Amino acid sequence: MTTKTPHKAAAPVLQVNENVSLEELIAERAHELWQQLGREHGSDLTDWLQAEREVNEWHQKRLEAKGPPRSKLTSH
């Protein structure tokens, strides 16, 4: 008889479609969270707020990776 060791769930990787609004991204992520948590009713606000944090964190990291905006003005 073999024993199974529990595996830690890996942190979810946020799949982002950059062609949709932030609100739509949050809604899609909240729906994913609802599904992952067993489709239990009554946690819609919690799921939404978690999704909002994840999407905002992704967006912030994306902006930081791009670096500071470059000025179009150049000095001579």
Protein backbone atom coordinates (compact mmCIF):
# COMPACT_ATOMS: atom_id res chain seq x y z
CA MET A 1 0.00 0.00 0.00
CA THR A 2 1.35 3.41 -0.94
CA THR A 3 0.77 6.56 0.99
CA LYS A 4 0.14 9.81 -0.74
CA THR A 5 1.84 12.89 0.56
CA PRO A 6 -0.17 16.07 0.28
CA HIS A 7 1.18 18.52 -2.24
CA LYS A 8 1.17 22.22 -1.62
CA ALA A 9 -0.80 24.06 -4.23
CA ALA A 10 1.41 26.30 -6.28
CA ALA A 11 0.63 30.00 -6.25
CA PRO A 12 -1.76 30.74 -9.09
CA VAL A 13 -0.30 32.36 -12.15
CA LEU A 14 -2.51 35.16 -13.28
CA GLN A 15 -3.33 34.80 -16.95
CA VAL A 16 -4.09 38.28 -18.24
CA ASN A 17 -5.65 39.31 -21.50
CA GLU A 18 -4.40 42.85 -22.04
CA ASN A 19 -7.20 43.57 -24.52
CA VAL A 20 -9.93 43.76 -21.88
CA SER A 21 -10.71 46.32 -19.18
CA LEU A 22 -9.42 46.02 -15.61
CA GLU A 23 -12.97 45.44 -14.42
CA GLU A 24 -13.36 42.52 -16.81
CA LEU A 25 -10.01 41.06 -15.70
CA ILE A 26 -11.12 41.31 -12.08
CA ALA A 27 -14.47 39.69 -12.86
CA GLU A 28 -12.78 36.80 -14.69
CA ARG A 29 -10.32 36.25 -11.82
CA ALA A 30 -13.09 36.44 -9.20
CA HIS A 31 -14.99 33.77 -11.15
CA GLU A 32 -11.87 31.56 -11.22
CA LEU A 33 -11.48 31.97 -7.46
CA TRP A 34 -15.13 31.06 -6.92
CA GLN A 35 -14.64 27.89 -8.98
CA GLN A 36 -11.41 26.96 -7.18
CA LEU A 37 -13.06 27.38 -3.79
CA GLY A 38 -15.82 24.91 -4.56
CA ARG A 39 -18.41 27.26 -6.02
CA GLU A 40 -19.74 28.13 -2.60
CA HIS A 41 -22.18 30.99 -2.50
CA GLY A 42 -21.76 33.90 -0.15
CA SER A 43 -18.11 34.73 -0.82
CA ASP A 44 -18.59 36.91 -3.88
CA LEU A 45 -17.27 40.08 -2.22
CA THR A 46 -14.25 38.26 -0.78
CA ASP A 47 -13.50 36.69 -4.18
CA TRP A 48 -13.90 40.07 -5.91
CA LEU A 49 -11.56 41.84 -3.48
CA GLN A 50 -8.95 39.08 -3.78
CA ALA A 51 -9.17 39.24 -7.57
CA GLU A 52 -8.86 43.02 -7.45
CA ARG A 53 -5.68 42.75 -5.34
CA GLU A 54 -4.16 40.17 -7.71
CA VAL A 55 -4.94 42.14 -10.87
CA ASN A 56 -3.70 45.40 -9.35
CA GLU A 57 -0.49 43.70 -8.20
CA TRP A 58 0.05 42.25 -11.69
CA HIS A 59 -0.58 45.66 -13.25
CA GLN A 60 1.84 47.39 -10.84
CA LYS A 61 4.60 44.84 -11.54
CA ARG A 62 4.04 45.30 -15.26
CA LEU A 63 4.43 49.07 -14.96
CA GLU A 64 7.57 48.71 -12.84
CA ALA A 65 9.08 46.32 -15.39
CA LYS A 66 8.61 48.90 -18.13
CA GLY A 67 10.57 51.45 -16.12
CA PRO A 68 9.93 55.16 -15.82
CA PRO A 69 8.26 56.86 -18.78
CA ARG A 70 10.70 58.44 -21.20
CA SER A 71 10.42 62.09 -21.99
CA LYS A 72 9.96 62.92 -25.67
CA LEU A 73 11.89 66.13 -25.13
CA THR A 74 15.63 65.95 -25.54
CA SER A 75 18.12 68.57 -24.54
CA HIS A 76 20.83 69.59 -26.94
